[in-house]
Amino acid sequence: MNNMMGTARIVLTGAPASGKTVFFERLKTHPDFAGFLFFEELARQLLEEYPEYRHNRNDFHREIYRRQIARERQAGNRPFITDRGTADAFAFHPETAVMVGTTIAAEYKRYTAVVQLGSAASLGEKWYQKDNIRTESITEALAIENAIAGIWQEHPGYHFIANEVDFEMKYEKFLTLILTLIREYNNV
C-alpha cells in the first residue's frame, strides 16, 4: 500500500449507477470510519448548481479539480474517503491533466487506495436507472467504466468490485475490502 501520505486517503469511484453514493453514505455511519472526512461528489453538486457546465467541459473539469485539491488540502493529516478523486476528471475529459498542469502519476500519490465499483449498466436496462443528472445510456455508462479503469488501474492500491444482481452482496464485498484496507494501512 502507498504510505506516502501519512494518512488513509481513499478514492471511491465508478461509472453511473455503480452504487457509489449509497455505499459512501453507509460508510459515514459505520463506526470504523468515525474519524474520517467524507468528500461528496463534486460533479453532481456543480451540475445541480450550474447546469450550464454541461456545455463547457473545460471549465467544468478545471473547477472540479480545483475544488477537490482545496478540500484535500484542508483535510491536512486527517483520513478521508472521497467520492471520486482528482484523476477521475481525466477519464471524462483527458485534457484536464494538461490544463491543470499535472500527470496521472502525480495524482496517484495523493491517494493510498482506489476502489472502483462496477456499474449496474453491465446488468442491463432492468438494473440501470437514469435521472436528471445521470443521463448516459447503458453503452455510454460502460464506456465510462472502462475509461475510469483505464485511468486508475495502474494505481498501486487499485481495486475493482464487479457489479452484482444482489446489491447487498456487492456492498458486503465492498465493506470487507475497505475495512481490510484500513486495517492494513494502520498496521504499516
C-alpha atoms as a PDB file:
ATOM      1  CA  MET A   1       0.000   0.000   0.000  1.00  0.00           C
ATOM      2  CA  ASN A   2       1.193   3.516  -0.820  1.00  0.00           C
ATOM      3  CA  ASN A   3       2.209   5.053   2.515  1.00  0.00           C
ATOM      4  CA  MET A   4       3.437   8.399   1.169  1.00  0.00           C
ATOM      5  CA  MET A   5       0.528  10.415   2.529  1.00  0.00           C
ATOM      6  CA  GLY A   6       0.900   9.550   6.209  1.00  0.00           C
ATOM      7  CA  THR A   7      -2.856   9.005   6.477  1.00  0.00           C
ATOM      8  CA  ALA A   8      -5.524   6.914   4.725  1.00  0.00           C
ATOM      9  CA  ARG A   9      -6.900   8.716   1.660  1.00  0.00           C
ATOM     10  CA  ILE A  10      -9.314   6.532  -0.273  1.00  0.00           C
ATOM     11  CA  VAL A  11     -10.999   7.220  -3.597  1.00  0.00           C
ATOM     12  CA  LEU A  12     -14.377   5.637  -4.242  1.00  0.00           C
ATOM     13  CA  THR A  13     -15.089   5.750  -7.976  1.00  0.00           C
ATOM     14  CA  GLY A  14     -17.260   4.193 -10.620  1.00  0.00           C
ATOM     15  CA  ALA A  15     -19.428   4.841 -13.644  1.00  0.00           C
ATOM     16  CA  PRO A  16     -23.064   5.940 -13.340  1.00  0.00           C
ATOM     17  CA  ALA A  17     -25.231   3.504 -11.334  1.00  0.00           C
ATOM     18  CA  SER A  18     -22.324   1.805  -9.592  1.00  0.00           C
ATOM     19  CA  GLY A  19     -23.659   2.325  -6.063  1.00  0.00           C
ATOM     20  CA  LYS A  20     -21.034   4.904  -5.082  1.00  0.00           C
ATOM     21  CA  THR A  21     -23.419   7.312  -3.419  1.00  0.00           C
ATOM     22  CA  VAL A  22     -25.256   4.628  -1.431  1.00  0.00           C
ATOM     23  CA  PHE A  23     -22.027   2.948  -0.293  1.00  0.00           C
ATOM     24  CA  PHE A  24     -20.470   6.315   0.529  1.00  0.00           C
ATOM     25  CA  GLU A  25     -23.467   7.285   2.692  1.00  0.00           C
ATOM     26  CA  ARG A  26     -23.374   3.949   4.522  1.00  0.00           C
ATOM     27  CA  LEU A  27     -19.682   4.336   5.348  1.00  0.00           C
ATOM     28  CA  LYS A  28     -20.412   7.679   7.006  1.00  0.00           C
ATOM     29  CA  THR A  29     -22.404   5.890   9.719  1.00  0.00           C
ATOM     30  CA  HIS A  30     -20.032   2.926  10.149  1.00  0.00           C
ATOM     31  CA  PRO A  31     -18.158   3.150  13.481  1.00  0.00           C
ATOM     32  CA  ASP A  32     -14.787   2.200  11.948  1.00  0.00           C
ATOM     33  CA  PHE A  33     -14.875   5.426   9.923  1.00  0.00           C
ATOM     34  CA  ALA A  34     -15.816   7.819  12.740  1.00  0.00           C
ATOM     35  CA  GLY A  35     -12.538   9.740  12.366  1.00  0.00           C
ATOM     36  CA  PHE A  36     -12.754  10.043   8.581  1.00  0.00           C
ATOM     37  CA  LEU A  37     -13.728  13.033   6.496  1.00  0.00           C
ATOM     38  CA  PHE A  38     -16.129  12.282   3.652  1.00  0.00           C
ATOM     39  CA  PHE A  39     -15.996  14.337   0.465  1.00  0.00           C
ATOM     40  CA  GLU A  40     -19.164  14.306  -1.640  1.00  0.00           C
ATOM     41  CA  GLU A  41     -19.008  14.019  -5.433  1.00  0.00           C
ATOM     42  CA  LEU A  42     -18.315  17.458  -6.898  1.00  0.00           C
ATOM     43  CA  ALA A  43     -19.589  16.823 -10.446  1.00  0.00           C
ATOM     44  CA  ARG A  44     -23.181  16.244  -9.317  1.00  0.00           C
ATOM     45  CA  GLN A  45     -23.068  19.268  -6.993  1.00  0.00           C
ATOM     46  CA  LEU A  46     -21.743  21.542  -9.732  1.00  0.00           C
ATOM     47  CA  LEU A  47     -24.244  20.341 -12.330  1.00  0.00           C
ATOM     48  CA  GLU A  48     -27.121  20.865  -9.921  1.00  0.00           C
ATOM     49  CA  GLU A  49     -25.878  24.388  -9.074  1.00  0.00           C
ATOM     50  CA  TYR A  50     -24.747  25.332 -12.588  1.00  0.00           C
ATOM     51  CA  PRO A  51     -26.413  23.226 -15.321  1.00  0.00           C
ATOM     52  CA  GLU A  52     -24.640  25.341 -17.954  1.00  0.00           C
ATOM     53  CA  TYR A  53     -21.425  23.463 -17.094  1.00  0.00           C
ATOM     54  CA  ARG A  54     -22.772  20.635 -19.307  1.00  0.00           C
ATOM     55  CA  HIS A  55     -21.841  22.845 -22.262  1.00  0.00           C
ATOM     56  CA  ASN A  56     -18.405  23.953 -21.021  1.00  0.00           C
ATOM     57  CA  ARG A  57     -16.404  20.834 -20.222  1.00  0.00           C
ATOM     58  CA  ASN A  58     -13.060  22.633 -19.902  1.00  0.00           C
ATOM     59  CA  ASP A  59     -14.241  24.974 -17.146  1.00  0.00           C
ATOM     60  CA  PHE A  60     -16.329  22.226 -15.526  1.00  0.00           C
ATOM     61  CA  HIS A  61     -13.436  19.796 -15.080  1.00  0.00           C
ATOM     62  CA  ARG A  62     -10.980  22.509 -14.068  1.00  0.00           C
ATOM     63  CA  GLU A  63     -13.416  23.634 -11.361  1.00  0.00           C
ATOM     64  CA  ILE A  64     -13.894  20.080 -10.107  1.00  0.00           C
ATOM     65  CA  TYR A  65     -10.126  19.638  -9.922  1.00  0.00           C
ATOM     66  CA  ARG A  66      -9.635  22.987  -8.163  1.00  0.00           C
ATOM     67  CA  ARG A  67     -12.304  22.254  -5.542  1.00  0.00           C
ATOM     68  CA  GLN A  68     -11.053  18.702  -4.958  1.00  0.00           C
ATOM     69  CA  ILE A  69      -7.488  19.893  -4.367  1.00  0.00           C
ATOM     70  CA  ALA A  70      -8.719  22.609  -1.988  1.00  0.00           C
ATOM     71  CA  ARG A  71     -10.696  20.251   0.202  1.00  0.00           C
ATOM     72  CA  GLU A  72      -7.918  17.651   0.291  1.00  0.00           C
ATOM     73  CA  ARG A  73      -5.507  20.347   1.451  1.00  0.00           C
ATOM     74  CA  GLN A  74      -7.952  21.417   4.140  1.00  0.00           C
ATOM     75  CA  ALA A  75      -8.067  17.824   5.387  1.00  0.00           C
ATOM     76  CA  GLY A  76      -4.438  18.104   6.479  1.00  0.00           C
ATOM     77  CA  ASN A  77      -3.444  14.799   8.079  1.00  0.00           C
ATOM     78  CA  ARG A  78      -6.990  13.566   8.667  1.00  0.00           C
ATOM     79  CA  PRO A  79      -8.024  10.402   6.828  1.00  0.00           C
ATOM     80  CA  PHE A  80     -10.691  10.754   4.167  1.00  0.00           C
ATOM     81  CA  ILE A  81     -12.839   8.919   1.684  1.00  0.00           C
ATOM     82  CA  THR A  82     -13.748  10.853  -1.428  1.00  0.00           C
ATOM     83  CA  ASP A  83     -16.488  10.186  -3.936  1.00  0.00           C
ATOM     84  CA  ARG A  84     -14.160  10.446  -6.959  1.00  0.00           C
ATOM     85  CA  GLY A  85     -10.554  11.593  -6.913  1.00  0.00           C
ATOM     86  CA  THR A  86      -8.636  14.137  -8.943  1.00  0.00           C
ATOM     87  CA  ALA A  87      -7.743  11.716 -11.755  1.00  0.00           C
ATOM     88  CA  ASP A  88     -11.399  10.845 -12.390  1.00  0.00           C
ATOM     89  CA  ALA A  89     -11.643  14.027 -14.458  1.00  0.00           C
ATOM     90  CA  PHE A  90      -9.072  12.575 -16.863  1.00  0.00           C
ATOM     91  CA  ALA A  91     -11.411   9.670 -17.676  1.00  0.00           C
ATOM     92  CA  PHE A  92     -14.190  12.072 -18.635  1.00  0.00           C
ATOM     93  CA  HIS A  93     -12.009  14.817 -20.105  1.00  0.00           C
ATOM     94  CA  PRO A  94      -8.395  13.754 -20.778  1.00  0.00           C
ATOM     95  CA  GLU A  95      -7.333  17.347 -21.488  1.00  0.00           C
ATOM     96  CA  THR A  96      -7.828  18.243 -17.816  1.00  0.00           C
ATOM     97  CA  ALA A  97      -4.392  16.929 -16.767  1.00  0.00           C
ATOM     98  CA  VAL A  98      -2.616  19.296 -19.149  1.00  0.00           C
ATOM     99  CA  MET A  99      -4.976  22.193 -18.366  1.00  0.00           C
ATOM    100  CA  VAL A 100      -4.225  21.977 -14.628  1.00  0.00           C
ATOM    101  CA  GLY A 101      -0.536  21.116 -15.060  1.00  0.00           C
ATOM    102  CA  THR A 102      -0.397  17.624 -13.575  1.00  0.00           C
ATOM    103  CA  THR A 103       0.105  13.978 -14.521  1.00  0.00           C
ATOM    104  CA  ILE A 104      -1.676  10.774 -13.612  1.00  0.00           C
ATOM    105  CA  ALA A 105       1.433   9.636 -11.719  1.00  0.00           C
ATOM    106  CA  ALA A 106       1.391  12.811  -9.631  1.00  0.00           C
ATOM    107  CA  GLU A 107      -2.292  12.327  -8.851  1.00  0.00           C
ATOM    108  CA  TYR A 108      -1.759   8.703  -7.799  1.00  0.00           C
ATOM    109  CA  LYS A 109       0.489   9.946  -4.985  1.00  0.00           C
ATOM    110  CA  ARG A 110      -2.445  11.812  -3.462  1.00  0.00           C
ATOM    111  CA  TYR A 111      -4.254   8.577  -2.508  1.00  0.00           C
ATOM    112  CA  THR A 112      -3.485   5.403  -0.587  1.00  0.00           C
ATOM    113  CA  ALA A 113      -6.203   3.314  -2.276  1.00  0.00           C
ATOM    114  CA  VAL A 114      -8.749   3.468  -5.087  1.00  0.00           C
ATOM    115  CA  VAL A 115     -11.899   1.346  -5.125  1.00  0.00           C
ATOM    116  CA  GLN A 116     -13.860   1.255  -8.363  1.00  0.00           C
ATOM    117  CA  LEU A 117     -17.381  -0.122  -8.275  1.00  0.00           C
ATOM    118  CA  GLY A 118     -18.859  -1.823 -11.331  1.00  0.00           C
ATOM    119  CA  SER A 119     -21.926  -0.185 -12.898  1.00  0.00           C
ATOM    120  CA  ALA A 120     -25.427  -1.652 -12.962  1.00  0.00           C
ATOM    121  CA  ALA A 121     -25.277  -0.885 -16.686  1.00  0.00           C
ATOM    122  CA  SER A 122     -23.465  -4.226 -17.040  1.00  0.00           C
ATOM    123  CA  LEU A 123     -26.691  -5.961 -15.907  1.00  0.00           C
ATOM    124  CA  GLY A 124     -28.930  -4.300 -18.498  1.00  0.00           C
ATOM    125  CA  GLU A 125     -31.942  -1.990 -18.581  1.00  0.00           C
ATOM    126  CA  LYS A 126     -33.779  -3.617 -15.680  1.00  0.00           C
ATOM    127  CA  TRP A 127     -30.982  -2.563 -13.323  1.00  0.00           C
ATOM    128  CA  TYR A 128     -29.794   0.710 -14.836  1.00  0.00           C
ATOM    129  CA  GLN A 129     -31.752   3.848 -13.893  1.00  0.00           C
ATOM    130  CA  LYS A 130     -31.311   7.350 -15.347  1.00  0.00           C
ATOM    131  CA  ASP A 131     -32.171  10.639 -13.619  1.00  0.00           C
ATOM    132  CA  ASN A 132     -31.821  14.369 -14.324  1.00  0.00           C
ATOM    133  CA  ILE A 133     -28.040  14.228 -13.761  1.00  0.00           C
ATOM    134  CA  ARG A 134     -27.344  10.611 -14.807  1.00  0.00           C
ATOM    135  CA  THR A 135     -28.333  10.877 -18.465  1.00  0.00           C
ATOM    136  CA  GLU A 136     -25.894   8.378 -20.003  1.00  0.00           C
ATOM    137  CA  SER A 137     -27.113   5.373 -21.979  1.00  0.00           C
ATOM    138  CA  ILE A 138     -26.026   1.872 -20.956  1.00  0.00           C
ATOM    139  CA  THR A 139     -23.379   1.908 -23.676  1.00  0.00           C
ATOM    140  CA  GLU A 140     -22.083   5.297 -22.504  1.00  0.00           C
ATOM    141  CA  ALA A 141     -22.039   4.170 -18.847  1.00  0.00           C
ATOM    142  CA  LEU A 142     -19.976   1.106 -19.734  1.00  0.00           C
ATOM    143  CA  ALA A 143     -17.578   3.239 -21.788  1.00  0.00           C
ATOM    144  CA  ILE A 144     -17.163   5.496 -18.741  1.00  0.00           C
ATOM    145  CA  GLU A 145     -16.496   2.437 -16.573  1.00  0.00           C
ATOM    146  CA  ASN A 146     -13.734   1.348 -18.948  1.00  0.00           C
ATOM    147  CA  ALA A 147     -12.279   4.870 -19.092  1.00  0.00           C
ATOM    148  CA  ILE A 148     -12.205   5.105 -15.279  1.00  0.00           C
ATOM    149  CA  ALA A 149     -10.490   1.713 -15.046  1.00  0.00           C
ATOM    150  CA  GLY A 150      -8.006   2.865 -17.679  1.00  0.00           C
ATOM    151  CA  ILE A 151      -7.119   5.909 -15.584  1.00  0.00           C
ATOM    152  CA  TRP A 152      -6.889   4.250 -12.167  1.00  0.00           C
ATOM    153  CA  GLN A 153      -5.847   0.617 -12.750  1.00  0.00           C
ATOM    154  CA  GLU A 154      -2.110   1.349 -12.517  1.00  0.00           C
ATOM    155  CA  HIS A 155      -2.506   2.875  -9.031  1.00  0.00           C
ATOM    156  CA  PRO A 156      -0.738   0.509  -6.585  1.00  0.00           C
ATOM    157  CA  GLY A 157      -3.830   0.452  -4.349  1.00  0.00           C
ATOM    158  CA  TYR A 158      -6.437  -0.066  -7.108  1.00  0.00           C
ATOM    159  CA  HIS A 159      -9.313  -2.499  -6.543  1.00  0.00           C
ATOM    160  CA  PHE A 160     -12.371  -3.270  -8.689  1.00  0.00           C
ATOM    161  CA  ILE A 161     -15.614  -4.654  -7.287  1.00  0.00           C
ATOM    162  CA  ALA A 162     -17.795  -6.097 -10.034  1.00  0.00           C
ATOM    163  CA  ASN A 163     -21.500  -5.448 -10.106  1.00  0.00           C
ATOM    164  CA  GLU A 164     -23.850  -7.983  -8.561  1.00  0.00           C
ATOM    165  CA  VAL A 165     -27.562  -8.599  -9.036  1.00  0.00           C
ATOM    166  CA  ASP A 166     -27.681  -8.725  -5.232  1.00  0.00           C
ATOM    167  CA  PHE A 167     -26.830  -5.148  -4.230  1.00  0.00           C
ATOM    168  CA  GLU A 168     -26.278  -6.118  -0.572  1.00  0.00           C
ATOM    169  CA  MET A 169     -23.781  -8.803  -1.582  1.00  0.00           C
ATOM    170  CA  LYS A 170     -21.868  -6.177  -3.546  1.00  0.00           C
ATOM    171  CA  TYR A 171     -21.924  -3.881  -0.518  1.00  0.00           C
ATOM    172  CA  GLU A 172     -20.616  -6.643   1.755  1.00  0.00           C
ATOM    173  CA  LYS A 173     -17.701  -7.274  -0.615  1.00  0.00           C
ATOM    174  CA  PHE A 174     -17.030  -3.547  -0.721  1.00  0.00           C
ATOM    175  CA  LEU A 175     -17.194  -3.117   3.063  1.00  0.00           C
ATOM    176  CA  THR A 176     -14.917  -6.118   3.645  1.00  0.00           C
ATOM    177  CA  LEU A 177     -12.377  -4.655   1.215  1.00  0.00           C
ATOM    178  CA  ILE A 178     -12.496  -1.151   2.736  1.00  0.00           C
ATOM    179  CA  LEU A 179     -12.130  -2.476   6.278  1.00  0.00           C
ATOM    180  CA  THR A 180      -9.209  -4.665   5.161  1.00  0.00           C
ATOM    181  CA  LEU A 181      -7.520  -1.679   3.518  1.00  0.00           C
ATOM    182  CA  ILE A 182      -7.924   0.416   6.664  1.00  0.00           C
ATOM    183  CA  ARG A 183      -6.572  -2.350   8.888  1.00  0.00           C
ATOM    184  CA  GLU A 184      -3.598  -2.991   6.551  1.00  0.00           C
ATOM    185  CA  TYR A 185      -2.866   0.688   6.383  1.00  0.00           C
ATOM    186  CA  ASN A 186      -2.990   1.071  10.177  1.00  0.00           C
ATOM    187  CA  ASN A 187      -0.552  -1.823  10.585  1.00  0.00           C
ATOM    188  CA  VAL A 188       2.047  -0.364   8.177  1.00  0.00           C
END
